[in-house]
C-alpha atoms as a PDB file:
ATOM      1  CA  MET A   1     -13.168  -7.643   9.660  1.00  0.00           C
ATOM      2  CA  LEU A   2     -10.436  -8.944  11.971  1.00  0.00           C
ATOM      3  CA  GLU A   3     -12.708  -8.958  15.015  1.00  0.00           C
ATOM      4  CA  ARG A   4     -15.177 -11.271  13.245  1.00  0.00           C
ATOM      5  CA  HIS A   5     -12.548 -13.932  12.644  1.00  0.00           C
ATOM      6  CA  VAL A   6     -10.119 -13.269  15.499  1.00  0.00           C
ATOM      7  CA  PRO A   7     -12.343 -11.841  18.250  1.00  0.00           C
ATOM      8  CA  ARG A   8      -9.586 -11.727  20.853  1.00  0.00           C
ATOM      9  CA  LEU A   9      -7.486  -9.465  18.634  1.00  0.00           C
ATOM     10  CA  ASP A  10      -8.346  -6.036  20.025  1.00  0.00           C
ATOM     11  CA  VAL A  11      -6.330  -3.278  18.346  1.00  0.00           C
ATOM     12  CA  PRO A  12      -6.986   0.458  17.945  1.00  0.00           C
ATOM     13  CA  TRP A  13      -8.750   1.074  14.644  1.00  0.00           C
ATOM     14  CA  GLN A  14     -10.119   4.062  12.751  1.00  0.00           C
ATOM     15  CA  PRO A  15     -12.718   3.054  10.140  1.00  0.00           C
ATOM     16  CA  ILE A  16     -12.200   4.912   6.856  1.00  0.00           C
ATOM     17  CA  GLY A  17     -12.722   2.707   3.844  1.00  0.00           C
ATOM     18  CA  ASN A  18     -15.710   1.389   1.959  1.00  0.00           C
ATOM     19  CA  TRP A  19     -15.333  -2.373   2.412  1.00  0.00           C
ATOM     20  CA  PRO A  20     -15.253  -4.796   0.801  1.00  0.00           C
ATOM     21  CA  THR A  21     -13.593  -3.391  -2.287  1.00  0.00           C
ATOM     22  CA  PRO A  22     -15.092  -5.018  -5.388  1.00  0.00           C
ATOM     23  CA  ILE A  23     -13.544  -7.838  -7.365  1.00  0.00           C
ATOM     24  CA  GLU A  24     -13.974  -7.549 -11.140  1.00  0.00           C
ATOM     25  CA  ARG A  25     -13.643 -10.353 -13.663  1.00  0.00           C
ATOM     26  CA  LEU A  26     -11.588  -9.266 -16.676  1.00  0.00           C
ATOM     27  CA  GLU A  27     -11.188 -11.075 -19.984  1.00  0.00           C
ATOM     28  CA  LEU A  28      -7.845 -11.055 -21.747  1.00  0.00           C
ATOM     29  CA  ASP A  29      -6.776 -13.257 -24.652  1.00  0.00           C
ATOM     30  CA  GLY A  30      -9.949 -15.291 -24.196  1.00  0.00           C
ATOM     31  CA  ARG A  31      -9.209 -16.189 -20.574  1.00  0.00           C
ATOM     32  CA  PRO A  32     -10.293 -14.580 -17.304  1.00  0.00           C
ATOM     33  CA  LEU A  33      -8.342 -12.928 -14.552  1.00  0.00           C
ATOM     34  CA  TRP A  34      -9.630 -11.111 -11.501  1.00  0.00           C
ATOM     35  CA  CYS A  35      -8.968  -7.648 -10.120  1.00  0.00           C
ATOM     36  CA  LYS A  36      -9.348  -6.521  -6.508  1.00  0.00           C
ATOM     37  CA  CYS A  37     -10.240  -2.842  -6.981  1.00  0.00           C
ATOM     38  CA  GLU A  38      -8.535  -1.210  -4.004  1.00  0.00           C
ATOM     39  CA  GLY A  39      -8.758   2.139  -5.779  1.00  0.00           C
ATOM     40  CA  ASP A  40     -12.470   2.210  -4.888  1.00  0.00           C
ATOM     41  CA  SER A  41     -11.816   2.106  -1.152  1.00  0.00           C
ATOM     42  CA  HIS A  42     -12.742   5.786  -0.723  1.00  0.00           C
ATOM     43  CA  PRO A  43     -14.168   8.435  -3.091  1.00  0.00           C
ATOM     44  CA  LEU A  44     -11.966  11.212  -1.683  1.00  0.00           C
ATOM     45  CA  TYR A  45      -8.743   9.265  -2.096  1.00  0.00           C
ATOM     46  CA  GLY A  46      -8.605   5.483  -2.182  1.00  0.00           C
ATOM     47  CA  GLY A  47      -6.043   2.807  -2.868  1.00  0.00           C
ATOM     48  CA  ASN A  48      -4.245   0.296  -0.700  1.00  0.00           C
ATOM     49  CA  LYS A  49      -2.989   2.921   1.756  1.00  0.00           C
ATOM     50  CA  ILE A  50      -6.476   3.355   3.214  1.00  0.00           C
ATOM     51  CA  ARG A  51      -6.106  -0.019   4.903  1.00  0.00           C
ATOM     52  CA  THR A  52      -2.726   0.964   6.339  1.00  0.00           C
ATOM     53  CA  LEU A  53      -4.174   4.209   7.654  1.00  0.00           C
ATOM     54  CA  GLU A  54      -7.097   2.571   9.441  1.00  0.00           C
ATOM     55  CA  ALA A  55      -4.517   0.916  11.698  1.00  0.00           C
ATOM     56  CA  TRP A  56      -2.164   3.890  11.974  1.00  0.00           C
ATOM     57  CA  LEU A  57      -4.854   6.506  12.640  1.00  0.00           C
ATOM     58  CA  GLY A  58      -6.377   4.210  15.234  1.00  0.00           C
ATOM     59  CA  HIS A  59      -2.955   3.983  16.865  1.00  0.00           C
ATOM     60  CA  ALA A  60      -2.499   7.775  16.735  1.00  0.00           C
ATOM     61  CA  ARG A  61      -5.813   8.325  18.491  1.00  0.00           C
ATOM     62  CA  ALA A  62      -5.048   5.651  21.072  1.00  0.00           C
ATOM     63  CA  VAL A  63      -1.809   7.400  22.084  1.00  0.00           C
ATOM     64  CA  ASP A  64      -3.525  10.820  22.005  1.00  0.00           C
ATOM     65  CA  ALA A  65      -1.287  12.140  19.243  1.00  0.00           C
ATOM     66  CA  SER A  66      -1.630  15.764  18.202  1.00  0.00           C
ATOM     67  CA  ARG A  67      -0.249  15.198  14.698  1.00  0.00           C
ATOM     68  CA  ILE A  68       0.705  12.365  12.386  1.00  0.00           C
ATOM     69  CA  TRP A  69       3.574  12.567   9.903  1.00  0.00           C
ATOM     70  CA  ALA A  70       3.811  10.640   6.636  1.00  0.00           C
ATOM     71  CA  ILE A  71       7.115  10.123   4.845  1.00  0.00           C
ATOM     72  CA  GLY A  72       7.516   9.417   1.145  1.00  0.00           C
ATOM     73  CA  ALA A  73       8.596  10.623  -2.263  1.00  0.00           C
ATOM     74  CA  TYR A  74       7.184  13.831  -3.755  1.00  0.00           C
ATOM     75  CA  GLY A  75       4.331  11.877  -5.353  1.00  0.00           C
ATOM     76  CA  SER A  76       3.661   9.580  -2.403  1.00  0.00           C
ATOM     77  CA  ASN A  77       0.220   7.963  -2.327  1.00  0.00           C
ATOM     78  CA  HIS A  78       0.708   7.413   1.386  1.00  0.00           C
ATOM     79  CA  ALA A  79       1.381  11.094   2.116  1.00  0.00           C
ATOM     80  CA  VAL A  80      -1.700  12.351   0.254  1.00  0.00           C
ATOM     81  CA  ALA A  81      -3.923   9.712   1.821  1.00  0.00           C
ATOM     82  CA  THR A  82      -2.597  10.470   5.315  1.00  0.00           C
ATOM     83  CA  VAL A  83      -3.215  14.209   5.171  1.00  0.00           C
ATOM     84  CA  LEU A  84      -6.674  13.948   3.621  1.00  0.00           C
ATOM     85  CA  HIS A  85      -8.009  11.203   5.870  1.00  0.00           C
ATOM     86  CA  ALA A  86      -6.360  12.343   9.108  1.00  0.00           C
ATOM     87  CA  ARG A  87      -7.925  15.772   8.699  1.00  0.00           C
ATOM     88  CA  ALA A  88     -11.311  14.190   8.017  1.00  0.00           C
ATOM     89  CA  ILE A  89     -11.276  12.732  11.550  1.00  0.00           C
ATOM     90  CA  GLY A  90      -9.934  15.922  13.147  1.00  0.00           C
ATOM     91  CA  LEU A  91      -6.266  14.953  13.428  1.00  0.00           C
ATOM     92  CA  ASP A  92      -3.541  17.258  12.167  1.00  0.00           C
ATOM     93  CA  ALA A  93      -1.215  15.753   9.555  1.00  0.00           C
ATOM     94  CA  ALA A  94       1.956  16.721   7.730  1.00  0.00           C
ATOM     95  CA  ALA A  95       4.469  15.186   5.356  1.00  0.00           C
ATOM     96  CA  VAL A  96       8.195  14.716   4.829  1.00  0.00           C
ATOM     97  CA  VAL A  97       9.000  14.282   1.140  1.00  0.00           C
ATOM     98  CA  PHE A  98      12.074  13.605  -0.974  1.00  0.00           C
ATOM     99  CA  PRO A  99      12.672  13.892  -4.746  1.00  0.00           C
ATOM    100  CA  GLN A 100      11.647  11.334  -7.334  1.00  0.00           C
ATOM    101  CA  PRO A 101      11.509  11.293 -11.151  1.00  0.00           C
ATOM    102  CA  THR A 102       8.682  13.402 -12.510  1.00  0.00           C
ATOM    103  CA  SER A 103       5.618  11.752 -14.057  1.00  0.00           C
ATOM    104  CA  PRO A 104       1.946  12.711 -14.478  1.00  0.00           C
ATOM    105  CA  TRP A 105       0.944  10.537 -11.516  1.00  0.00           C
ATOM    106  CA  ALA A 106       3.634  11.838  -9.187  1.00  0.00           C
ATOM    107  CA  VAL A 107       2.825  15.434 -10.180  1.00  0.00           C
ATOM    108  CA  GLU A 108      -0.881  14.822  -9.534  1.00  0.00           C
ATOM    109  CA  ASN A 109      -0.211  13.477  -6.043  1.00  0.00           C
ATOM    110  CA  CYS A 110       2.337  16.127  -5.122  1.00  0.00           C
ATOM    111  CA  GLY A 111      -0.003  18.849  -6.324  1.00  0.00           C
ATOM    112  CA  ALA A 112      -2.805  17.386  -4.223  1.00  0.00           C
ATOM    113  CA  LEU A 113      -0.515  17.389  -1.182  1.00  0.00           C
ATOM    114  CA  ILE A 114       0.416  21.048  -1.771  1.00  0.00           C
ATOM    115  CA  ALA A 115      -3.279  21.894  -2.218  1.00  0.00           C
ATOM    116  CA  THR A 116      -4.034  20.776   1.344  1.00  0.00           C
ATOM    117  CA  GLY A 117      -1.798  23.527   2.742  1.00  0.00           C
ATOM    118  CA  CYS A 118      -0.296  21.098   5.270  1.00  0.00           C
ATOM    119  CA  GLU A 119       3.232  21.471   6.573  1.00  0.00           C
ATOM    120  CA  VAL A 120       5.634  19.816   4.141  1.00  0.00           C
ATOM    121  CA  ILE A 121       9.302  19.276   4.954  1.00  0.00           C
ATOM    122  CA  ARG A 122      11.354  18.799   1.790  1.00  0.00           C
ATOM    123  CA  LEU A 123      14.472  16.687   1.936  1.00  0.00           C
ATOM    124  CA  ARG A 124      17.287  16.690  -0.589  1.00  0.00           C
ATOM    125  CA  SER A 125      17.453  12.891  -0.593  1.00  0.00           C
ATOM    126  CA  TRP A 126      15.779   9.820   0.904  1.00  0.00           C
ATOM    127  CA  ALA A 127      19.025   9.252   2.823  1.00  0.00           C
ATOM    128  CA  GLU A 128      18.043  12.083   5.187  1.00  0.00           C
ATOM    129  CA  VAL A 129      14.827  10.307   6.250  1.00  0.00           C
ATOM    130  CA  PRO A 130      16.082   8.574   9.450  1.00  0.00           C
ATOM    131  CA  PHE A 131      17.636  11.760  10.816  1.00  0.00           C
ATOM    132  CA  VAL A 132      14.584  13.944  10.137  1.00  0.00           C
ATOM    133  CA  ALA A 133      12.202  11.325  11.532  1.00  0.00           C
ATOM    134  CA  ALA A 134      14.213  11.155  14.765  1.00  0.00           C
ATOM    135  CA  TRP A 135      14.332  14.955  14.969  1.00  0.00           C
ATOM    136  CA  LEU A 136      10.556  15.226  14.537  1.00  0.00           C
ATOM    137  CA  ALA A 137       9.934  12.677  17.263  1.00  0.00           C
ATOM    138  CA  ARG A 138      12.200  14.622  19.640  1.00  0.00           C
ATOM    139  CA  ARG A 139      10.685  17.977  18.686  1.00  0.00           C
ATOM    140  CA  ASP A 140       7.140  16.953  19.498  1.00  0.00           C
ATOM    141  CA  ARG A 141       6.582  14.032  21.856  1.00  0.00           C
ATOM    142  CA  ARG A 142       2.863  13.974  20.981  1.00  0.00           C
ATOM    143  CA  CYS A 143       3.358  13.405  17.275  1.00  0.00           C
ATOM    144  CA  VAL A 144       3.367  10.043  15.513  1.00  0.00           C
ATOM    145  CA  VAL A 145       5.979   9.664  12.776  1.00  0.00           C
ATOM    146  CA  MET A 146       5.269   6.817  10.374  1.00  0.00           C
ATOM    147  CA  PRO A 147       8.075   5.289   8.345  1.00  0.00           C
ATOM    148  CA  PRO A 148       7.714   5.386   4.539  1.00  0.00           C
ATOM    149  CA  GLY A 149       4.483   3.635   3.607  1.00  0.00           C
ATOM    150  CA  GLY A 150       3.652   2.992   7.262  1.00  0.00           C
ATOM    151  CA  ALA A 151       5.537  -0.304   6.984  1.00  0.00           C
ATOM    152  CA  THR A 152       5.618  -1.646  10.543  1.00  0.00           C
ATOM    153  CA  PRO A 153       3.553  -4.321  12.338  1.00  0.00           C
ATOM    154  CA  ILE A 154       1.068  -1.539  13.050  1.00  0.00           C
ATOM    155  CA  GLY A 155       0.460  -0.689   9.387  1.00  0.00           C
ATOM    156  CA  THR A 156       0.516  -4.292   8.145  1.00  0.00           C
ATOM    157  CA  PHE A 157      -2.644  -5.068  10.111  1.00  0.00           C
ATOM    158  CA  GLY A 158      -4.643  -3.260   7.418  1.00  0.00           C
ATOM    159  CA  ALA A 159      -3.581  -5.610   4.630  1.00  0.00           C
ATOM    160  CA  MET A 160      -3.821  -8.536   7.041  1.00  0.00           C
ATOM    161  CA  ALA A 161      -7.514  -7.727   7.463  1.00  0.00           C
ATOM    162  CA  ALA A 162      -7.803  -7.614   3.667  1.00  0.00           C
ATOM    163  CA  ALA A 163      -6.844 -11.299   3.473  1.00  0.00           C
ATOM    164  CA  PHE A 164      -9.917 -12.142   5.544  1.00  0.00           C
ATOM    165  CA  GLU A 165     -12.068  -9.889   3.364  1.00  0.00           C
ATOM    166  CA  LEU A 166     -10.804 -11.713   0.293  1.00  0.00           C
ATOM    167  CA  ALA A 167     -11.541 -15.069   1.913  1.00  0.00           C
ATOM    168  CA  GLU A 168     -15.162 -14.032   2.486  1.00  0.00           C
ATOM    169  CA  GLN A 169     -15.514 -12.902  -1.134  1.00  0.00           C
ATOM    170  CA  ILE A 170     -14.104 -16.201  -2.438  1.00  0.00           C
ATOM    171  CA  ALA A 171     -16.412 -18.156  -0.133  1.00  0.00           C
ATOM    172  CA  ALA A 172     -19.330 -16.166  -1.565  1.00  0.00           C
ATOM    173  CA  GLY A 173     -18.331 -17.152  -5.111  1.00  0.00           C
ATOM    174  CA  VAL A 174     -17.206 -13.688  -6.235  1.00  0.00           C
ATOM    175  CA  ALA A 175     -13.907 -15.103  -7.545  1.00  0.00           C
ATOM    176  CA  PRO A 176     -12.076 -18.432  -7.496  1.00  0.00           C
ATOM    177  CA  PRO A 177      -9.234 -19.049  -5.056  1.00  0.00           C
ATOM    178  CA  PRO A 178      -6.183 -17.523  -6.765  1.00  0.00           C
ATOM    179  CA  SER A 179      -2.921 -19.320  -7.312  1.00  0.00           C
ATOM    180  CA  ARG A 180      -1.149 -15.956  -7.106  1.00  0.00           C
ATOM    181  CA  ILE A 181      -1.963 -12.463  -5.866  1.00  0.00           C
ATOM    182  CA  VAL A 182      -0.041  -9.951  -7.981  1.00  0.00           C
ATOM    183  CA  LEU A 183       0.717  -6.490  -6.579  1.00  0.00           C
ATOM    184  CA  PRO A 184       3.421  -3.804  -6.613  1.00  0.00           C
ATOM    185  CA  ILE A 185       6.004  -3.738  -3.807  1.00  0.00           C
ATOM    186  CA  GLY A 186       7.100  -0.271  -2.765  1.00  0.00           C
ATOM    187  CA  SER A 187       7.364   0.187   0.999  1.00  0.00           C
ATOM    188  CA  THR A 188       6.436  -3.540   1.519  1.00  0.00           C
ATOM    189  CA  CYS A 189       3.561  -2.840   3.956  1.00  0.00           C
ATOM    190  CA  THR A 190       0.745  -4.303   1.837  1.00  0.00           C
ATOM    191  CA  THR A 191       2.816  -7.266   0.645  1.00  0.00           C
ATOM    192  CA  ALA A 192       3.923  -8.241   4.151  1.00  0.00           C
ATOM    193  CA  GLY A 193       0.422  -7.705   5.509  1.00  0.00           C
ATOM    194  CA  LEU A 194      -1.133  -9.982   2.897  1.00  0.00           C
ATOM    195  CA  LEU A 195       1.551 -12.601   3.503  1.00  0.00           C
ATOM    196  CA  ALA A 196       0.817 -12.564   7.245  1.00  0.00           C
ATOM    197  CA  GLY A 197      -2.935 -12.311   6.722  1.00  0.00           C
ATOM    198  CA  LEU A 198      -3.128 -15.359   4.483  1.00  0.00           C
ATOM    199  CA  ALA A 199      -1.122 -17.367   7.025  1.00  0.00           C
ATOM    200  CA  LEU A 200      -3.374 -16.236   9.884  1.00  0.00           C
ATOM    201  CA  ALA A 201      -6.584 -16.755   7.905  1.00  0.00           C
ATOM    202  CA  HIS A 202      -5.479 -20.275   6.988  1.00  0.00           C
ATOM    203  CA  ALA A 203      -4.549 -21.043  10.603  1.00  0.00           C
ATOM    204  CA  VAL A 204      -7.971 -20.018  11.983  1.00  0.00           C
ATOM    205  CA  GLY A 205      -9.922 -21.711   9.180  1.00  0.00           C
ATOM    206  CA  ALA A 206     -11.097 -18.617   7.316  1.00  0.00           C
ATOM    207  CA  TRP A 207      -8.936 -19.460   4.282  1.00  0.00           C
ATOM    208  CA  ARG A 208     -10.082 -22.960   3.290  1.00  0.00           C
ATOM    209  CA  TRP A 209      -8.130 -23.337   0.042  1.00  0.00           C
ATOM    210  CA  PRO A 210      -4.460 -23.769  -0.856  1.00  0.00           C
ATOM    211  CA  VAL A 211      -2.593 -20.641   0.231  1.00  0.00           C
ATOM    212  CA  PRO A 212      -1.652 -18.585  -2.866  1.00  0.00           C
ATOM    213  CA  LEU A 213       1.733 -17.146  -3.639  1.00  0.00           C
ATOM    214  CA  VAL A 214       2.021 -13.429  -2.972  1.00  0.00           C
ATOM    215  CA  HIS A 215       3.669 -12.223  -6.180  1.00  0.00           C
ATOM    216  CA  GLY A 216       5.186  -8.828  -5.445  1.00  0.00           C
ATOM    217  CA  VAL A 217       6.490  -6.749  -8.334  1.00  0.00           C
ATOM    218  CA  ARG A 218       9.383  -4.479  -7.443  1.00  0.00           C
ATOM    219  CA  VAL A 219       8.868  -0.748  -7.943  1.00  0.00           C
ATOM    220  CA  THR A 220      11.618   0.091  -5.442  1.00  0.00           C
ATOM    221  CA  PRO A 221      15.006  -1.672  -5.512  1.00  0.00           C
ATOM    222  CA  TRP A 222      16.771  -4.068  -3.187  1.00  0.00           C
ATOM    223  CA  PRO A 223      17.338  -3.948  -0.231  1.00  0.00           C
ATOM    224  CA  ILE A 224      14.034  -2.135   0.415  1.00  0.00           C
ATOM    225  CA  THR A 225      12.200  -4.954  -1.327  1.00  0.00           C
ATOM    226  CA  SER A 226      14.395  -7.778  -0.088  1.00  0.00           C
ATOM    227  CA  ARG A 227      12.462 -11.040   0.075  1.00  0.00           C
ATOM    228  CA  VAL A 228      13.839 -11.805   3.525  1.00  0.00           C
ATOM    229  CA  ARG A 229      13.003  -8.303   4.771  1.00  0.00           C
ATOM    230  CA  ILE A 230       9.382  -8.596   3.618  1.00  0.00           C
ATOM    231  CA  ALA A 231       8.963 -12.058   5.121  1.00  0.00           C
ATOM    232  CA  HIS A 232      10.507 -10.835   8.370  1.00  0.00           C
ATOM    233  CA  LEU A 233       7.959  -7.995   8.554  1.00  0.00           C
ATOM    234  CA  ALA A 234       5.193 -10.574   8.039  1.00  0.00           C
ATOM    235  CA  GLN A 235       6.723 -12.689  10.811  1.00  0.00           C
ATOM    236  CA  ARG A 236       6.817  -9.675  13.153  1.00  0.00           C
ATOM    237  CA  THR A 237       3.167  -9.004  12.304  1.00  0.00           C
ATOM    238  CA  LEU A 238       2.212 -12.560  13.284  1.00  0.00           C
ATOM    239  CA  ALA A 239       4.266 -12.197  16.472  1.00  0.00           C
ATOM    240  CA  ARG A 240       2.195  -9.128  17.345  1.00  0.00           C
ATOM    241  CA  VAL A 241      -0.982 -11.146  16.764  1.00  0.00           C
ATOM    242  CA  GLU A 242       0.324 -13.768  19.185  1.00  0.00           C
ATOM    243  CA  ARG A 243       1.116 -11.135  21.835  1.00  0.00           C
ATOM    244  CA  LEU A 244      -2.278  -9.453  21.535  1.00  0.00           C
ATOM    245  CA  ALA A 245      -4.583 -12.427  20.948  1.00  0.00           C
ATOM    246  CA  GLY A 246      -2.644 -15.464  22.088  1.00  0.00           C
ATOM    247  CA  ILE A 247      -2.918 -17.088  18.662  1.00  0.00           C
ATOM    248  CA  ARG A 248       0.292 -18.651  17.451  1.00  0.00           C
ATOM    249  CA  VAL A 249       0.596 -19.301  13.719  1.00  0.00           C
ATOM    250  CA  ALA A 250       2.964 -22.216  13.241  1.00  0.00           C
ATOM    251  CA  ILE A 251       4.888 -20.885  10.287  1.00  0.00           C
ATOM    252  CA  GLY A 252       8.561 -20.046  10.146  1.00  0.00           C
ATOM    253  CA  LEU A 253      10.518 -17.498   8.186  1.00  0.00           C
ATOM    254  CA  ARG A 254      11.521 -20.030   5.535  1.00  0.00           C
ATOM    255  CA  GLU A 255       7.915 -20.993   4.822  1.00  0.00           C
ATOM    256  CA  LEU A 256       6.886 -17.336   4.606  1.00  0.00           C
ATOM    257  CA  ILE A 257       9.723 -16.746   2.145  1.00  0.00           C
ATOM    258  CA  ALA A 258       8.565 -19.761   0.122  1.00  0.00           C
ATOM    259  CA  ARG A 259       5.088 -18.210  -0.184  1.00  0.00           C
ATOM    260  CA  LEU A 260       6.523 -14.950  -1.532  1.00  0.00           C
ATOM    261  CA  VAL A 261       7.745 -14.122  -5.026  1.00  0.00           C
ATOM    262  CA  VAL A 262       9.702 -10.900  -5.503  1.00  0.00           C
ATOM    263  CA  ASP A 263       9.659 -10.105  -9.212  1.00  0.00           C
ATOM    264  CA  GLY A 264      12.312  -7.621 -10.324  1.00  0.00           C
ATOM    265  CA  ARG A 265      11.762  -7.901 -14.069  1.00  0.00           C
ATOM    266  CA  GLU A 266       9.575  -4.782 -14.306  1.00  0.00           C
ATOM    267  CA  LEU A 267      11.657  -2.337 -12.250  1.00  0.00           C
ATOM    268  CA  GLY A 268      13.438  -0.936 -15.298  1.00  0.00           C
ATOM    269  CA  ARG A 269      15.728   2.018 -14.542  1.00  0.00           C
ATOM    270  CA  GLY A 270      14.350   2.377 -11.035  1.00  0.00           C
ATOM    271  CA  TYR A 271      11.629   3.881  -8.889  1.00  0.00           C
ATOM    272  CA  GLY A 272       9.266   6.219 -10.694  1.00  0.00           C
ATOM    273  CA  ARG A 273      10.702   5.494 -14.151  1.00  0.00           C
ATOM    274  CA  THR A 274       8.344   3.888 -16.626  1.00  0.00           C
ATOM    275  CA  THR A 275       9.145   1.025 -18.975  1.00  0.00           C
ATOM    276  CA  PRO A 276       7.783  -0.033 -22.382  1.00  0.00           C
ATOM    277  CA  GLN A 277       6.212  -3.104 -20.747  1.00  0.00           C
ATOM    278  CA  CYS A 278       4.496  -0.906 -18.163  1.00  0.00           C
ATOM    279  CA  GLU A 279       3.096   1.446 -20.794  1.00  0.00           C
ATOM    280  CA  ALA A 280       1.865  -1.485 -22.895  1.00  0.00           C
ATOM    281  CA  ALA A 281       0.151  -3.030 -19.872  1.00  0.00           C
ATOM    282  CA  MET A 282      -1.566   0.249 -19.005  1.00  0.00           C
ATOM    283  CA  THR A 283      -3.033   0.300 -22.515  1.00  0.00           C
ATOM    284  CA  THR A 284      -3.999  -3.380 -22.521  1.00  0.00           C
ATOM    285  CA  LEU A 285      -5.494  -3.838 -19.058  1.00  0.00           C
ATOM    286  CA  VAL A 286      -8.809  -1.979 -19.224  1.00  0.00           C
ATOM    287  CA  GLY A 287     -10.620  -1.547 -15.927  1.00  0.00           C
ATOM    288  CA  PRO A 288      -8.715  -0.306 -12.886  1.00  0.00           C
ATOM    289  CA  ARG A 289      -6.916   3.029 -12.878  1.00  0.00           C
ATOM    290  CA  LEU A 290      -3.191   2.405 -13.285  1.00  0.00           C
ATOM    291  CA  ASP A 291      -0.074   4.506 -12.837  1.00  0.00           C
ATOM    292  CA  ALA A 292       3.441   3.996 -14.202  1.00  0.00           C
ATOM    293  CA  VAL A 293       5.059   4.294 -10.762  1.00  0.00           C
ATOM    294  CA  TYR A 294       3.369   1.363  -9.017  1.00  0.00           C
ATOM    295  CA  SER A 295       0.345  -0.442 -10.431  1.00  0.00           C
ATOM    296  CA  GLY A 296       1.339  -0.258 -14.109  1.00  0.00           C
ATOM    297  CA  LYS A 297       4.537  -2.210 -13.436  1.00  0.00           C
ATOM    298  CA  ALA A 298       2.589  -4.804 -11.484  1.00  0.00           C
ATOM    299  CA  ALA A 299       0.113  -5.009 -14.364  1.00  0.00           C
ATOM    300  CA  ALA A 300       3.000  -5.747 -16.741  1.00  0.00           C
ATOM    301  CA  ALA A 301       3.988  -8.733 -14.591  1.00  0.00           C
ATOM    302  CA  LEU A 302       0.342  -9.802 -14.354  1.00  0.00           C
ATOM    303  CA  LEU A 303      -0.002  -9.915 -18.152  1.00  0.00           C
ATOM    304  CA  ARG A 304       3.295 -11.786 -18.479  1.00  0.00           C
ATOM    305  CA  LEU A 305       2.082 -14.451 -16.052  1.00  0.00           C
ATOM    306  CA  HIS A 306      -1.369 -14.616 -17.646  1.00  0.00           C
ATOM    307  CA  ARG A 307       0.105 -15.153 -21.114  1.00  0.00           C
ATOM    308  CA  ALA A 308       2.371 -17.861 -19.718  1.00  0.00           C
ATOM    309  CA  GLY A 309      -0.737 -19.758 -18.579  1.00  0.00           C
ATOM    310  CA  VAL A 310      -0.361 -19.114 -14.836  1.00  0.00           C
ATOM    311  CA  GLY A 311      -3.659 -18.831 -13.006  1.00  0.00           C
ATOM    312  CA  PRO A 312      -6.091 -18.149 -11.549  1.00  0.00           C
ATOM    313  CA  LEU A 313      -4.540 -14.731 -11.004  1.00  0.00           C
ATOM    314  CA  LEU A 314      -5.804 -11.944  -8.750  1.00  0.00           C
ATOM    315  CA  PHE A 315      -4.472  -8.440  -9.410  1.00  0.00           C
ATOM    316  CA  TRP A 316      -4.324  -6.176  -6.349  1.00  0.00           C
ATOM    317  CA  ALA A 317      -5.065  -2.847  -8.094  1.00  0.00           C
ATOM    318  CA  SER A 318      -3.611  -0.363  -5.627  1.00  0.00           C
ATOM    319  CA  LYS A 319      -3.995   3.018  -7.377  1.00  0.00           C
ATOM    320  CA  SER A 320      -6.695   5.396  -6.109  1.00  0.00           C
ATOM    321  CA  THR A 321      -9.575   5.786  -8.551  1.00  0.00           C
ATOM    322  CA  ALA A 322     -10.053   9.437  -7.570  1.00  0.00           C
ATOM    323  CA  VAL A 323      -8.380  12.016  -9.830  1.00  0.00           C
ATOM    324  CA  MET A 324      -6.980  14.868  -7.778  1.00  0.00           C
ATOM    325  CA  THR A 325      -7.436  18.592  -8.450  1.00  0.00           C
ATOM    326  CA  PRO A 326      -4.273  20.683  -9.087  1.00  0.00           C
ATOM    327  CA  PRO A 327      -3.263  23.178  -6.393  1.00  0.00           C
ATOM    328  CA  SER A 328      -4.279  26.824  -6.564  1.00  0.00           C
ATOM    329  CA  ARG A 329      -1.809  29.623  -7.243  1.00  0.00           C
ATOM    330  CA  GLU A 330      -2.118  30.638  -3.597  1.00  0.00           C
ATOM    331  CA  ALA A 331      -1.143  27.161  -2.427  1.00  0.00           C
ATOM    332  CA  LEU A 332       1.799  27.028  -4.835  1.00  0.00           C
ATOM    333  CA  ALA A 333       3.017  30.407  -3.599  1.00  0.00           C
ATOM    334  CA  LYS A 334       3.350  28.957  -0.092  1.00  0.00           C
ATOM    335  CA  ALA A 335       5.083  25.757  -1.179  1.00  0.00           C
ATOM    336  CA  SER A 336       8.781  24.945  -1.359  1.00  0.00           C
ATOM    337  CA  PRO A 337      10.265  26.640  -4.460  1.00  0.00           C
ATOM    338  CA  ALA A 338      12.167  23.435  -5.285  1.00  0.00           C
ATOM    339  CA  ILE A 339       8.940  21.418  -5.269  1.00  0.00           C
ATOM    340  CA  VAL A 340       7.171  24.042  -7.386  1.00  0.00           C
ATOM    341  CA  ARG A 341      10.000  23.873  -9.942  1.00  0.00           C
ATOM    342  CA  TRP A 342       9.733  20.073  -9.971  1.00  0.00           C
ATOM    343  CA  LEU A 343       5.974  20.299 -10.555  1.00  0.00           C
ATOM    344  CA  ALA A 344       6.587  22.507 -13.583  1.00  0.00           C
ATOM    345  CA  THR A 345       9.118  20.179 -15.285  1.00  0.00           C
END
């Protein structure tokens, strides 16, 4: 996708997903909204993290890595996706995980991770992440250690490519140009990538309409989802484009911030904890698969905006459509006892 619109931008890439992901028109309260079904990106395990991994796995192969590490909460979408798709291309993968509140969706993902039999390092808290990541990098110089969600200017290139994909779909009449793109913000990788991608697509003429607001709905708290932090990651992504392709996008940090909404009204009691608004949205919005950790909270904000008359709205439905199989007794017997106890709660 990127090479068609920015041919001088040559970056390592590992094709994984089924692109383009479909856009569905949904009717609610007698008015339409549109849904970008990222969950359909792969039948094994889909969702928005497939785009991130196409860039990261390409990078891992380019540096001749022997293993790639994902970092996230027990129920991390990114960790499951990394292990399954890295192994499918013959690259070893493992995960570092830390506790989160239990929920059916987190238990499903954690069970799927255990079922792979990969190496899993369990931390007592997310605060240990920087120290363990540094230790892993020292222990094995040939491994690649991604930060949570893969949120660096490597990983953001996946969502940046998605902005061009969306532009092609709009040009083909699949959906109208949105005024806002609504999505959950967790690690910030997809949000920052879309923010950068829309700016780049507009600069090279692929996005021919007014640039929409990227409306991110917090599922992790500040400062992880700081508006300035997200815009700065988008800025760093565009700086990497300039280094690699010589294309300078004339947009500053303030303008990137102005194109970004960080909506904290659906966070509730914190990461992984559902809210009444989230549960109501998951019942109301029929179509994409939703979860109460990420996409359900974004859906709650989507419905709030829709009922306030904001539009056209595009919902970035990030949850994988695939339902994962629970781990076997043999796999559970080899897993961390603390994780097994958490799975049973």
